[in-house]
Amino acid sequence: MTAYDLMLLIHILLFCYWLGGDVGVFYASGFVVDPKLSRDSRLVAARIMLGCDLIPKICMSLMLTVGGILSEFMGVEHPLWQMFAIVLLGPVWLTVVLVLHFQHSAAFIPTLTRIDFYFRWLIIAAVVSSTLYSLTAGRLAEVPWLAAKLLAFALLVFCGLMIRINLKGFGASYAKLLKDDCDDTDNQIMIRSLARVKPWVIAIWIVLVVAAALGIAKPGG
């Protein structure tokens, strides 16, 4: 197996676990907000949901790095500083994801959460601007489908941010569920929050499939 084959395999696995994990998260969330279930059942579903939620986050954090390395193999040359940034991005972003997941009760987590939020907006801006520049400069003339995949990734990050914004009411009500202090109002807040994010979740699934199809068909390449 060559280095290219290994990167391609990792790229495929990231796609599979991102989509599969995201479907699992959304499916489990339906049980979390179901007031007809017992509190213990809802909490078990919540643990499953939060555990599965880590998988898509890991995949997202590594996707740009793996994709950037693959593009280098396919002849898209990067300046040394850019390649360094691409390779460094994955481990740094992954570290933030893991810290936020496993150290969620630490005092610095609110600050790190805000940093992560604005960092994702920065990623969107950087991916869109660099892709448009590369297109106008002709760097992606031989692989126009790669530009579409990059813009699709930016859209995926945007959808994730919209989910985070629309779930703001969910966290406080879920905290009450943990304390066994959840009433009908809290249940409705969680149900409405889940309904608001559903279009963004489905959009992620669609965009992931489209991005995978682009990688297979390579239109214009």
N, C-alpha and C. Protein backbone atom coordinates (compact mmCIF):
# COMPACT_ATOMS: atom_id res chain seq x y z
N MET A 1 0.84 -1.20 0.00
CA MET A 1 0.00 0.00 0.00
C MET A 1 0.88 1.25 0.00
N THR A 2 0.64 2.14 -0.95
CA THR A 2 1.41 3.38 -1.03
C THR A 2 0.87 4.40 -0.04
N ALA A 3 1.62 5.49 0.12
CA ALA A 3 1.17 6.57 1.00
C ALA A 3 -0.15 7.15 0.49
N TYR A 4 -0.28 7.25 -0.83
CA TYR A 4 -1.53 7.75 -1.41
C TYR A 4 -2.69 6.82 -1.06
N ASP A 5 -2.47 5.51 -1.20
CA ASP A 5 -3.52 4.54 -0.88
C ASP A 5 -3.95 4.67 0.58
N LEU A 6 -2.98 4.86 1.46
CA LEU A 6 -3.28 4.98 2.88
C LEU A 6 -4.12 6.23 3.16
N MET A 7 -3.73 7.35 2.55
CA MET A 7 -4.49 8.59 2.74
C MET A 7 -5.90 8.45 2.18
N LEU A 8 -6.02 7.78 1.03
CA LEU A 8 -7.34 7.58 0.42
C LEU A 8 -8.21 6.71 1.32
N LEU A 9 -7.63 5.67 1.89
CA LEU A 9 -8.37 4.80 2.81
C LEU A 9 -8.86 5.59 4.03
N ILE A 10 -7.98 6.41 4.60
CA ILE A 10 -8.37 7.22 5.76
C ILE A 10 -9.48 8.19 5.37
N HIS A 11 -9.37 8.78 4.18
CA HIS A 11 -10.37 9.72 3.69
C HIS A 11 -11.74 9.05 3.59
N ILE A 12 -11.76 7.83 3.06
CA ILE A 12 -13.02 7.08 2.93
C ILE A 12 -13.59 6.75 4.30
N LEU A 13 -12.74 6.32 5.22
CA LEU A 13 -13.19 5.98 6.57
C LEU A 13 -13.75 7.21 7.29
N LEU A 14 -13.11 8.36 7.10
CA LEU A 14 -13.61 9.59 7.71
C LEU A 14 -15.01 9.91 7.21
N PHE A 15 -15.22 9.74 5.91
CA PHE A 15 -16.55 9.98 5.35
C PHE A 15 -17.57 9.02 5.95
N CYS A 16 -17.23 7.73 5.97
CA CYS A 16 -18.18 6.72 6.46
C CYS A 16 -18.56 6.96 7.92
N TYR A 17 -17.56 7.21 8.76
CA TYR A 17 -17.85 7.38 10.18
C TYR A 17 -18.50 8.73 10.46
N TRP A 18 -18.21 9.74 9.64
CA TRP A 18 -18.88 11.03 9.81
C TRP A 18 -20.38 10.88 9.56
N LEU A 19 -20.72 10.31 8.41
CA LEU A 19 -22.13 10.17 8.06
C LEU A 19 -22.84 9.19 9.00
N GLY A 20 -22.23 8.03 9.23
CA GLY A 20 -22.85 7.03 10.10
C GLY A 20 -23.01 7.53 11.52
N GLY A 21 -21.97 8.18 12.05
CA GLY A 21 -22.04 8.70 13.41
C GLY A 21 -23.10 9.78 13.54
N ASP A 22 -23.22 10.63 12.53
CA ASP A 22 -24.19 11.72 12.57
C ASP A 22 -25.62 11.17 12.55
N VAL A 23 -25.86 10.15 11.76
CA VAL A 23 -27.18 9.51 11.73
C VAL A 23 -27.49 8.92 13.11
N GLY A 24 -26.50 8.27 13.73
CA GLY A 24 -26.70 7.69 15.05
C GLY A 24 -27.02 8.74 16.11
N VAL A 25 -26.34 9.87 16.04
CA VAL A 25 -26.59 10.96 17.00
C VAL A 25 -28.03 11.45 16.89
N PHE A 26 -28.46 11.70 15.65
CA PHE A 26 -29.82 12.23 15.47
C PHE A 26 -30.87 11.20 15.88
N TYR A 27 -30.62 9.94 15.59
CA TYR A 27 -31.57 8.90 15.97
C TYR A 27 -31.69 8.81 17.49
N ALA A 28 -30.56 8.82 18.19
CA ALA A 28 -30.58 8.72 19.65
C ALA A 28 -31.22 9.95 20.29
N SER A 29 -31.06 11.12 19.66
CA SER A 29 -31.61 12.34 20.23
C SER A 29 -33.14 12.29 20.33
N GLY A 30 -33.77 11.54 19.44
CA GLY A 30 -35.22 11.41 19.50
C GLY A 30 -35.69 10.75 20.78
N PHE A 31 -34.90 9.83 21.31
CA PHE A 31 -35.25 9.18 22.57
C PHE A 31 -34.96 10.10 23.76
N VAL A 32 -33.95 10.93 23.63
CA VAL A 32 -33.59 11.84 24.72
C VAL A 32 -34.73 12.81 25.00
N VAL A 33 -35.40 13.29 23.96
CA VAL A 33 -36.44 14.31 24.14
C VAL A 33 -37.83 13.71 24.29
N ASP A 34 -37.95 12.40 24.31
CA ASP A 34 -39.26 11.75 24.39
C ASP A 34 -39.76 11.73 25.84
N PRO A 35 -40.75 12.54 26.19
CA PRO A 35 -41.23 12.58 27.58
C PRO A 35 -41.98 11.33 28.02
N LYS A 36 -42.35 10.48 27.05
CA LYS A 36 -43.05 9.25 27.40
C LYS A 36 -42.12 8.21 28.00
N LEU A 37 -40.82 8.36 27.76
CA LEU A 37 -39.84 7.41 28.30
C LEU A 37 -39.48 7.78 29.74
N SER A 38 -38.98 6.81 30.47
CA SER A 38 -38.53 7.09 31.83
C SER A 38 -37.26 7.95 31.79
N ARG A 39 -37.01 8.62 32.90
CA ARG A 39 -35.81 9.47 32.98
C ARG A 39 -34.56 8.64 32.75
N ASP A 40 -34.49 7.44 33.33
CA ASP A 40 -33.30 6.59 33.17
C ASP A 40 -33.09 6.21 31.71
N SER A 41 -34.17 5.90 31.01
CA SER A 41 -34.05 5.54 29.60
C SER A 41 -33.55 6.72 28.78
N ARG A 42 -34.05 7.90 29.10
CA ARG A 42 -33.63 9.10 28.37
C ARG A 42 -32.15 9.41 28.63
N LEU A 43 -31.71 9.18 29.86
CA LEU A 43 -30.31 9.45 30.18
C LEU A 43 -29.38 8.45 29.49
N VAL A 44 -29.81 7.20 29.38
CA VAL A 44 -29.02 6.21 28.64
C VAL A 44 -28.91 6.61 27.18
N ALA A 45 -30.05 7.04 26.61
CA ALA A 45 -30.04 7.51 25.23
C ALA A 45 -29.12 8.72 25.06
N ALA A 46 -29.11 9.59 26.08
CA ALA A 46 -28.25 10.78 26.03
C ALA A 46 -26.77 10.40 26.04
N ARG A 47 -26.42 9.40 26.84
CA ARG A 47 -25.02 8.95 26.88
C ARG A 47 -24.62 8.36 25.53
N ILE A 48 -25.52 7.61 24.92
CA ILE A 48 -25.24 7.06 23.59
C ILE A 48 -25.09 8.20 22.58
N MET A 49 -26.01 9.18 22.65
CA MET A 49 -25.97 10.31 21.73
C MET A 49 -24.66 11.08 21.85
N LEU A 50 -24.25 11.39 23.08
CA LEU A 50 -23.03 12.18 23.28
C LEU A 50 -21.78 11.39 22.89
N GLY A 51 -21.82 10.07 23.14
CA GLY A 51 -20.69 9.25 22.74
C GLY A 51 -20.54 9.17 21.23
N CYS A 52 -21.67 8.99 20.54
CA CYS A 52 -21.64 8.94 19.07
C CYS A 52 -21.28 10.28 18.47
N ASP A 53 -21.64 11.37 19.17
CA ASP A 53 -21.41 12.71 18.64
C ASP A 53 -19.92 13.03 18.50
N LEU A 54 -19.11 12.34 19.28
CA LEU A 54 -17.67 12.58 19.19
C LEU A 54 -17.11 12.13 17.84
N ILE A 55 -17.69 11.08 17.27
CA ILE A 55 -17.14 10.49 16.04
C ILE A 55 -17.20 11.46 14.86
N PRO A 56 -18.37 12.07 14.55
CA PRO A 56 -18.38 13.04 13.44
C PRO A 56 -17.46 14.23 13.69
N LYS A 57 -17.33 14.66 14.93
CA LYS A 57 -16.46 15.79 15.24
C LYS A 57 -15.00 15.44 14.96
N ILE A 58 -14.61 14.23 15.29
CA ILE A 58 -13.24 13.78 14.99
C ILE A 58 -13.03 13.76 13.48
N CYS A 59 -14.00 13.21 12.76
CA CYS A 59 -13.88 13.11 11.31
C CYS A 59 -13.77 14.49 10.66
N MET A 60 -14.58 15.44 11.12
CA MET A 60 -14.52 16.79 10.57
C MET A 60 -13.16 17.42 10.82
N SER A 61 -12.63 17.23 12.02
CA SER A 61 -11.36 17.87 12.38
C SER A 61 -10.19 17.37 11.54
N LEU A 62 -10.28 16.14 11.05
CA LEU A 62 -9.17 15.55 10.29
C LEU A 62 -9.34 15.61 8.78
N MET A 63 -10.56 15.93 8.33
CA MET A 63 -10.87 15.82 6.91
C MET A 63 -10.05 16.76 6.03
N LEU A 64 -9.87 18.01 6.47
CA LEU A 64 -9.12 18.95 5.65
C LEU A 64 -7.65 18.55 5.52
N THR A 65 -7.09 18.06 6.61
CA THR A 65 -5.68 17.64 6.57
C THR A 65 -5.49 16.46 5.61
N VAL A 66 -6.33 15.45 5.75
CA VAL A 66 -6.23 14.28 4.87
C VAL A 66 -6.51 14.67 3.43
N GLY A 67 -7.54 15.50 3.20
CA GLY A 67 -7.85 15.94 1.85
C GLY A 67 -6.74 16.78 1.24
N GLY A 68 -6.11 17.63 2.05
CA GLY A 68 -5.01 18.45 1.56
C GLY A 68 -3.82 17.60 1.13
N ILE A 69 -3.51 16.58 1.92
CA ILE A 69 -2.41 15.68 1.57
C ILE A 69 -2.73 14.91 0.30
N LEU A 70 -3.99 14.46 0.17
CA LEU A 70 -4.41 13.76 -1.04
C LEU A 70 -4.28 14.65 -2.28
N SER A 71 -4.67 15.92 -2.13
CA SER A 71 -4.59 16.83 -3.28
C SER A 71 -3.15 17.05 -3.72
N GLU A 72 -2.23 17.02 -2.78
CA GLU A 72 -0.80 17.13 -3.12
C GLU A 72 -0.37 15.93 -3.95
N PHE A 73 -0.84 14.74 -3.57
CA PHE A 73 -0.53 13.53 -4.35
C PHE A 73 -1.10 13.62 -5.76
N MET A 74 -2.22 14.33 -5.90
CA MET A 74 -2.88 14.42 -7.21
C MET A 74 -2.34 15.56 -8.07
N GLY A 75 -1.29 16.23 -7.59
CA GLY A 75 -0.65 17.23 -8.41
C GLY A 75 -0.99 18.67 -8.08
N VAL A 76 -1.79 18.91 -7.05
CA VAL A 76 -2.09 20.28 -6.63
C VAL A 76 -1.00 20.70 -5.64
N GLU A 77 -0.07 21.49 -6.12
CA GLU A 77 1.08 21.85 -5.27
C GLU A 77 0.71 22.98 -4.31
N HIS A 78 1.23 22.87 -3.10
CA HIS A 78 1.01 23.87 -2.07
C HIS A 78 2.35 24.49 -1.67
N PRO A 79 2.37 25.79 -1.39
CA PRO A 79 3.59 26.38 -0.82
C PRO A 79 3.92 25.69 0.50
N LEU A 80 5.17 25.72 0.88
CA LEU A 80 5.61 25.01 2.09
C LEU A 80 4.82 25.45 3.31
N TRP A 81 4.59 26.77 3.46
CA TRP A 81 3.88 27.27 4.63
C TRP A 81 2.44 26.75 4.65
N GLN A 82 1.83 26.65 3.46
CA GLN A 82 0.45 26.18 3.39
C GLN A 82 0.35 24.70 3.71
N MET A 83 1.31 23.92 3.21
CA MET A 83 1.30 22.50 3.51
C MET A 83 1.53 22.26 4.99
N PHE A 84 2.40 23.06 5.58
CA PHE A 84 2.66 22.97 7.03
C PHE A 84 1.37 23.24 7.80
N ALA A 85 0.64 24.28 7.38
CA ALA A 85 -0.62 24.62 8.06
C ALA A 85 -1.66 23.52 7.89
N ILE A 86 -1.72 22.93 6.69
CA ILE A 86 -2.68 21.85 6.43
C ILE A 86 -2.40 20.65 7.32
N VAL A 87 -1.13 20.26 7.41
CA VAL A 87 -0.75 19.09 8.21
C VAL A 87 -0.97 19.37 9.71
N LEU A 88 -0.71 20.60 10.13
CA LEU A 88 -0.85 20.95 11.55
C LEU A 88 -2.30 21.09 11.97
N LEU A 89 -3.16 21.49 11.04
CA LEU A 89 -4.55 21.75 11.35
C LEU A 89 -5.25 20.56 12.00
N GLY A 90 -5.08 19.38 11.42
CA GLY A 90 -5.77 18.19 11.91
C GLY A 90 -5.49 17.89 13.37
N PRO A 91 -4.21 17.72 13.76
CA PRO A 91 -3.91 17.43 15.16
C PRO A 91 -4.38 18.51 16.13
N VAL A 92 -4.24 19.78 15.73
CA VAL A 92 -4.67 20.88 16.62
C VAL A 92 -6.18 20.86 16.80
N TRP A 93 -6.91 20.77 15.70
CA TRP A 93 -8.37 20.76 15.77
C TRP A 93 -8.86 19.52 16.52
N LEU A 94 -8.24 18.38 16.27
CA LEU A 94 -8.61 17.15 16.97
C LEU A 94 -8.39 17.29 18.47
N THR A 95 -7.30 17.91 18.86
CA THR A 95 -7.02 18.11 20.28
C THR A 95 -8.11 18.95 20.94
N VAL A 96 -8.52 20.02 20.27
CA VAL A 96 -9.59 20.87 20.81
C VAL A 96 -10.88 20.06 20.96
N VAL A 97 -11.21 19.26 19.95
CA VAL A 97 -12.42 18.44 20.00
C VAL A 97 -12.39 17.48 21.19
N LEU A 98 -11.26 16.83 21.40
CA LEU A 98 -11.15 15.85 22.48
C LEU A 98 -11.19 16.52 23.85
N VAL A 99 -10.54 17.67 23.96
CA VAL A 99 -10.56 18.39 25.24
C VAL A 99 -11.98 18.83 25.58
N LEU A 100 -12.69 19.38 24.60
CA LEU A 100 -14.06 19.82 24.83
C LEU A 100 -14.96 18.66 25.22
N HIS A 101 -14.69 17.48 24.67
CA HIS A 101 -15.54 16.32 24.97
C HIS A 101 -15.23 15.70 26.34
N PHE A 102 -13.96 15.55 26.64
CA PHE A 102 -13.60 14.81 27.86
C PHE A 102 -13.36 15.70 29.07
N GLN A 103 -13.16 17.00 28.86
CA GLN A 103 -12.92 17.91 29.98
C GLN A 103 -14.05 18.95 30.08
N HIS A 104 -15.27 18.52 29.80
CA HIS A 104 -16.39 19.46 29.68
C HIS A 104 -16.73 20.20 30.97
N SER A 105 -16.25 19.71 32.10
CA SER A 105 -16.56 20.38 33.37
C SER A 105 -15.43 21.30 33.84
N ALA A 106 -14.34 21.38 33.07
CA ALA A 106 -13.20 22.22 33.47
C ALA A 106 -13.56 23.70 33.36
N ALA A 107 -12.86 24.52 34.15
CA ALA A 107 -13.18 25.95 34.21
C ALA A 107 -12.92 26.67 32.89
N PHE A 108 -11.97 26.18 32.11
CA PHE A 108 -11.61 26.87 30.86
C PHE A 108 -12.49 26.49 29.68
N ILE A 109 -13.41 25.55 29.85
CA ILE A 109 -14.22 25.04 28.74
C ILE A 109 -15.09 26.13 28.10
N PRO A 110 -15.75 27.00 28.85
CA PRO A 110 -16.54 28.06 28.18
C PRO A 110 -15.69 28.92 27.25
N THR A 111 -14.48 29.26 27.69
CA THR A 111 -13.58 30.06 26.84
C THR A 111 -13.16 29.27 25.61
N LEU A 112 -12.79 28.01 25.81
CA LEU A 112 -12.37 27.18 24.68
C LEU A 112 -13.53 26.95 23.71
N THR A 113 -14.74 26.84 24.24
CA THR A 113 -15.92 26.67 23.38
C THR A 113 -16.11 27.88 22.48
N ARG A 114 -15.95 29.08 23.05
CA ARG A 114 -16.07 30.29 22.23
C ARG A 114 -14.97 30.37 21.18
N ILE A 115 -13.75 30.00 21.57
CA ILE A 115 -12.64 29.99 20.62
C ILE A 115 -12.94 29.02 19.48
N ASP A 116 -13.43 27.84 19.82
CA ASP A 116 -13.77 26.83 18.81
C ASP A 116 -14.86 27.34 17.88
N PHE A 117 -15.84 28.05 18.43
CA PHE A 117 -16.95 28.59 17.63
C PHE A 117 -16.42 29.56 16.57
N TYR A 118 -15.61 30.51 16.99
CA TYR A 118 -15.09 31.50 16.04
C TYR A 118 -14.02 30.90 15.12
N PHE A 119 -13.32 29.89 15.62
CA PHE A 119 -12.34 29.19 14.78
C PHE A 119 -13.02 28.54 13.58
N ARG A 120 -14.21 27.99 13.80
CA ARG A 120 -14.93 27.34 12.70
C ARG A 120 -15.40 28.36 11.67
N TRP A 121 -15.78 29.55 12.12
CA TRP A 121 -16.09 30.61 11.16
C TRP A 121 -14.84 30.97 10.35
N LEU A 122 -13.71 30.99 11.02
CA LEU A 122 -12.45 31.28 10.34
C LEU A 122 -12.13 30.21 9.30
N ILE A 123 -12.38 28.96 9.64
CA ILE A 123 -12.17 27.86 8.70
C ILE A 123 -13.03 28.04 7.46
N ILE A 124 -14.30 28.39 7.66
CA ILE A 124 -15.20 28.62 6.52
C ILE A 124 -14.65 29.71 5.62
N ALA A 125 -14.28 30.84 6.22
CA ALA A 125 -13.76 31.97 5.44
C ALA A 125 -12.48 31.59 4.70
N ALA A 126 -11.59 30.86 5.38
CA ALA A 126 -10.31 30.48 4.77
C ALA A 126 -10.51 29.51 3.62
N VAL A 127 -11.39 28.52 3.80
CA VAL A 127 -11.62 27.53 2.75
C VAL A 127 -12.26 28.18 1.53
N VAL A 128 -13.29 29.00 1.75
CA VAL A 128 -13.99 29.64 0.63
C VAL A 128 -13.05 30.59 -0.12
N SER A 129 -12.34 31.44 0.62
CA SER A 129 -11.47 32.42 -0.04
C SER A 129 -10.31 31.75 -0.78
N SER A 130 -9.69 30.75 -0.14
CA SER A 130 -8.56 30.08 -0.80
C SER A 130 -9.02 29.28 -2.02
N THR A 131 -10.22 28.70 -1.95
CA THR A 131 -10.74 27.94 -3.09
C THR A 131 -11.04 28.86 -4.27
N LEU A 132 -11.69 29.99 -3.98
CA LEU A 132 -11.99 30.95 -5.06
C LEU A 132 -10.71 31.51 -5.67
N TYR A 133 -9.72 31.79 -4.82
CA TYR A 133 -8.43 32.29 -5.34
C TYR A 133 -7.76 31.24 -6.23
N SER A 134 -7.77 29.99 -5.77
CA SER A 134 -7.14 28.92 -6.55
C SER A 134 -7.83 28.71 -7.88
N LEU A 135 -9.15 28.89 -7.90
CA LEU A 135 -9.88 28.75 -9.15
C LEU A 135 -9.50 29.86 -10.13
N THR A 136 -9.47 31.09 -9.64
CA THR A 136 -9.14 32.21 -10.53
C THR A 136 -7.68 32.17 -10.97
N ALA A 137 -6.81 31.61 -10.13
CA ALA A 137 -5.39 31.52 -10.48
C ALA A 137 -5.08 30.31 -11.35
N GLY A 138 -6.07 29.44 -11.54
CA GLY A 138 -5.87 28.28 -12.39
C GLY A 138 -5.23 27.09 -11.70
N ARG A 139 -5.05 27.17 -10.38
CA ARG A 139 -4.41 26.06 -9.67
C ARG A 139 -5.26 24.79 -9.68
N LEU A 140 -6.57 24.97 -9.80
CA LEU A 140 -7.47 23.82 -9.78
C LEU A 140 -8.09 23.55 -11.15
N ALA A 141 -7.44 24.03 -12.19
CA ALA A 141 -7.99 23.87 -13.55
C ALA A 141 -8.14 22.40 -13.93
N GLU A 142 -7.21 21.57 -13.45
CA GLU A 142 -7.25 20.14 -13.80
C GLU A 142 -8.17 19.34 -12.87
N VAL A 143 -8.53 19.94 -11.74
CA VAL A 143 -9.36 19.22 -10.76
C VAL A 143 -10.47 20.14 -10.25
N PRO A 144 -11.35 20.61 -11.13
CA PRO A 144 -12.42 21.52 -10.67
C PRO A 144 -13.36 20.89 -9.65
N TRP A 145 -13.48 19.58 -9.69
CA TRP A 145 -14.33 18.88 -8.72
C TRP A 145 -13.79 19.03 -7.30
N LEU A 146 -12.47 19.22 -7.19
CA LEU A 146 -11.87 19.40 -5.87
C LEU A 146 -12.32 20.73 -5.25
N ALA A 147 -12.48 21.75 -6.09
CA ALA A 147 -13.00 23.03 -5.61
C ALA A 147 -14.41 22.86 -5.04
N ALA A 148 -15.22 22.07 -5.74
CA ALA A 148 -16.59 21.82 -5.27
C ALA A 148 -16.57 21.08 -3.93
N LYS A 149 -15.64 20.14 -3.78
CA LYS A 149 -15.55 19.40 -2.51
C LYS A 149 -15.12 20.32 -1.37
N LEU A 150 -14.21 21.24 -1.65
CA LEU A 150 -13.77 22.17 -0.61
C LEU A 150 -14.91 23.09 -0.18
N LEU A 151 -15.66 23.59 -1.16
CA LEU A 151 -16.81 24.44 -0.82
C LEU A 151 -17.88 23.64 -0.08
N ALA A 152 -18.01 22.36 -0.41
CA ALA A 152 -18.94 21.49 0.31
C ALA A 152 -18.51 21.34 1.77
N PHE A 153 -17.20 21.24 1.99
CA PHE A 153 -16.72 21.12 3.37
C PHE A 153 -17.04 22.39 4.15
N ALA A 154 -16.83 23.54 3.53
CA ALA A 154 -17.17 24.81 4.18
C ALA A 154 -18.65 24.84 4.55
N LEU A 155 -19.49 24.32 3.66
CA LEU A 155 -20.93 24.27 3.92
C LEU A 155 -21.24 23.33 5.09
N LEU A 156 -20.51 22.24 5.17
CA LEU A 156 -20.70 21.30 6.28
C LEU A 156 -20.37 21.96 7.63
N VAL A 157 -19.28 22.70 7.66
CA VAL A 157 -18.92 23.40 8.89
C VAL A 157 -19.99 24.43 9.24
N PHE A 158 -20.50 25.13 8.22
CA PHE A 158 -21.56 26.11 8.45
C PHE A 158 -22.81 25.45 9.02
N CYS A 159 -23.21 24.31 8.47
CA CYS A 159 -24.38 23.60 8.98
C CYS A 159 -24.18 23.21 10.44
N GLY A 160 -22.96 22.77 10.77
CA GLY A 160 -22.66 22.43 12.15
C GLY A 160 -22.80 23.62 13.09
N LEU A 161 -22.39 24.79 12.63
CA LEU A 161 -22.54 25.99 13.43
C LEU A 161 -24.02 26.35 13.61
N MET A 162 -24.80 26.18 12.57
CA MET A 162 -26.24 26.45 12.68
C MET A 162 -26.91 25.50 13.66
N ILE A 163 -26.45 24.26 13.70
CA ILE A 163 -26.97 23.31 14.68
C ILE A 163 -26.63 23.77 16.08
N ARG A 164 -25.40 24.21 16.28
CA ARG A 164 -24.97 24.67 17.60
C ARG A 164 -25.79 25.88 18.04
N ILE A 165 -26.02 26.81 17.13
CA ILE A 165 -26.80 28.02 17.47
C ILE A 165 -28.24 27.67 17.83
N ASN A 166 -28.84 26.76 17.08
CA ASN A 166 -30.25 26.41 17.30
C ASN A 166 -30.45 25.44 18.46
N LEU A 167 -29.38 24.94 19.03
CA LEU A 167 -29.49 24.03 20.18
C LEU A 167 -29.24 24.74 21.51
N LYS A 168 -29.17 26.06 21.50
CA LYS A 168 -28.85 26.79 22.73
C LYS A 168 -29.84 26.49 23.85
N GLY A 169 -31.11 26.40 23.53
CA GLY A 169 -32.11 26.12 24.56
C GLY A 169 -32.07 24.69 25.05
N PHE A 170 -31.47 23.82 24.25
CA PHE A 170 -31.45 22.39 24.58
C PHE A 170 -30.61 22.12 25.82
N GLY A 171 -29.46 22.77 25.91
CA GLY A 171 -28.51 22.48 26.99
C GLY A 171 -29.06 22.73 28.37
N ALA A 172 -29.72 23.86 28.57
CA ALA A 172 -30.26 24.19 29.89
C ALA A 172 -31.35 23.21 30.31
N SER A 173 -32.20 22.83 29.37
CA SER A 173 -33.27 21.87 29.68
C SER A 173 -32.71 20.47 29.93
N TYR A 174 -31.68 20.11 29.17
CA TYR A 174 -31.05 18.81 29.38
C TYR A 174 -30.38 18.76 30.75
N ALA A 175 -29.80 19.88 31.20
CA ALA A 175 -29.19 19.94 32.53
C ALA A 175 -30.24 19.69 33.60
N LYS A 176 -31.46 20.17 33.38
CA LYS A 176 -32.54 19.91 34.33
C LYS A 176 -32.92 18.43 34.34
N LEU A 177 -32.85 17.81 33.16
CA LEU A 177 -33.12 16.37 33.08
C LEU A 177 -32.10 15.60 33.90
N LEU A 178 -30.86 16.01 33.85
CA LEU A 178 -29.81 15.36 34.63
C LEU A 178 -30.07 15.47 36.13
N LYS A 179 -30.65 16.62 36.54
CA LYS A 179 -30.92 16.87 37.96
C LYS A 179 -32.30 16.38 38.39
N ASP A 180 -32.98 15.70 37.48
CA ASP A 180 -34.34 15.22 37.74
C ASP A 180 -35.28 16.37 38.06
N ASP A 181 -35.10 17.47 37.35
CA ASP A 181 -35.91 18.67 37.57
C ASP A 181 -36.51 19.16 36.25
N CYS A 182 -36.80 18.22 35.37
CA CYS A 182 -37.27 18.54 34.02
C CYS A 182 -38.80 18.47 33.98
N ASP A 183 -39.44 19.58 33.57
CA ASP A 183 -40.90 19.60 33.48
C ASP A 183 -41.34 19.63 32.02
N ASP A 184 -42.65 19.77 31.81
CA ASP A 184 -43.19 19.75 30.45
C ASP A 184 -42.63 20.89 29.60
N THR A 185 -42.41 22.05 30.23
CA THR A 185 -41.85 23.18 29.49
C THR A 185 -40.47 22.85 28.96
N ASP A 186 -39.65 22.23 29.81
CA ASP A 186 -38.31 21.84 29.39
C ASP A 186 -38.36 20.80 28.29
N ASN A 187 -39.29 19.86 28.41
CA ASN A 187 -39.43 18.85 27.36
C ASN A 187 -39.77 19.49 26.02
N GLN A 188 -40.66 20.46 26.03
CA GLN A 188 -41.05 21.12 24.80
C GLN A 188 -39.90 21.94 24.22
N ILE A 189 -39.10 22.54 25.09
CA ILE A 189 -37.94 23.29 24.62
C ILE A 189 -36.98 22.38 23.87
N MET A 190 -36.73 21.20 24.43
CA MET A 190 -35.83 20.25 23.79
C MET A 190 -36.40 19.73 22.47
N ILE A 191 -37.71 19.46 22.46
CA ILE A 191 -38.36 18.97 21.25
C ILE A 191 -38.30 20.02 20.14
N ARG A 192 -38.57 21.29 20.50
CA ARG A 192 -38.53 22.36 19.50
C ARG A 192 -37.10 22.60 19.01
N SER A 193 -36.12 22.48 19.91
CA SER A 193 -34.72 22.65 19.51
C SER A 193 -34.33 21.59 18.50
N LEU A 194 -34.75 20.37 18.76
CA LEU A 194 -34.44 19.27 17.85
C LEU A 194 -35.11 19.48 16.50
N ALA A 195 -36.33 20.00 16.51
CA ALA A 195 -37.03 20.26 15.25
C ALA A 195 -36.33 21.36 14.44
N ARG A 196 -35.78 22.36 15.14
CA ARG A 196 -35.10 23.45 14.43
C ARG A 196 -33.82 22.99 13.76
N VAL A 197 -33.13 22.03 14.37
CA VAL A 197 -31.85 21.60 13.79
C VAL A 197 -32.02 20.50 12.75
N LYS A 198 -33.18 19.90 12.68
CA LYS A 198 -33.38 18.78 11.75
C LYS A 198 -33.03 19.13 10.31
N PRO A 199 -33.47 20.30 9.77
CA PRO A 199 -33.09 20.62 8.38
C PRO A 199 -31.58 20.71 8.19
N TRP A 200 -30.87 21.24 9.18
CA TRP A 200 -29.41 21.36 9.08
C TRP A 200 -28.74 19.99 9.14
N VAL A 201 -29.31 19.10 9.95
CA VAL A 201 -28.77 17.73 10.04
C VAL A 201 -28.93 17.01 8.71
N ILE A 202 -30.13 17.10 8.14
CA ILE A 202 -30.38 16.46 6.84
C ILE A 202 -29.49 17.07 5.77
N ALA A 203 -29.28 18.38 5.85
CA ALA A 203 -28.39 19.05 4.88
C ALA A 203 -26.98 18.47 4.96
N ILE A 204 -26.50 18.20 6.17
CA ILE A 204 -25.18 17.59 6.33
C ILE A 204 -25.12 16.24 5.64
N TRP A 205 -26.14 15.43 5.83
CA TRP A 205 -26.15 14.10 5.20
C TRP A 205 -26.10 14.24 3.67
N ILE A 206 -26.90 15.15 3.13
CA ILE A 206 -26.95 15.32 1.68
C ILE A 206 -25.61 15.82 1.15
N VAL A 207 -25.04 16.82 1.81
CA VAL A 207 -23.77 17.39 1.34
C VAL A 207 -22.65 16.36 1.42
N LEU A 208 -22.64 15.53 2.46
CA LEU A 208 -21.63 14.49 2.57
C LEU A 208 -21.72 13.51 1.40
N VAL A 209 -22.93 13.11 1.05
CA VAL A 209 -23.11 12.18 -0.07
C VAL A 209 -22.68 12.84 -1.39
N VAL A 210 -23.05 14.11 -1.56
CA VAL A 210 -22.65 14.83 -2.78
C VAL A 210 -21.13 14.93 -2.87
N ALA A 211 -20.48 15.24 -1.72
CA ALA A 211 -19.02 15.35 -1.71
C ALA A 211 -18.37 14.01 -2.06
N ALA A 212 -18.94 12.92 -1.55
CA ALA A 212 -18.41 11.59 -1.87
C ALA A 212 -18.59 11.29 -3.36
N ALA A 213 -19.75 11.66 -3.91
CA ALA A 213 -20.01 11.44 -5.34
C ALA A 213 -19.03 12.24 -6.21
N LEU A 214 -18.73 13.45 -5.79
CA LEU A 214 -17.75 14.27 -6.53
C LEU A 214 -16.38 13.61 -6.54
N GLY A 215 -16.01 13.04 -5.39
CA GLY A 215 -14.71 12.39 -5.30
C GLY A 215 -14.62 11.13 -6.18
N ILE A 216 -15.75 10.48 -6.39
CA ILE A 216 -15.76 9.29 -7.22
C ILE A 216 -15.81 9.64 -8.70
N ALA A 217 -16.75 10.53 -9.05
CA ALA A 217 -16.96 10.86 -10.47
C ALA A 217 -15.88 11.79 -11.02
N LYS A 218 -15.35 12.68 -10.15
CA LYS A 218 -14.34 13.66 -10.57
C LYS A 218 -14.76 14.41 -11.84
N PRO A 219 -15.93 15.07 -11.84
CA PRO A 219 -16.40 15.75 -13.06
C PRO A 219 -15.46 16.89 -13.46
N GLY A 220 -15.16 16.94 -14.73
CA GLY A 220 -14.28 17.99 -15.25
C GLY A 220 -12.80 17.70 -15.11
N GLY A 221 -12.47 16.58 -14.44
CA GLY A 221 -11.08 16.26 -14.22
C GLY A 221 -10.50 15.42 -15.34
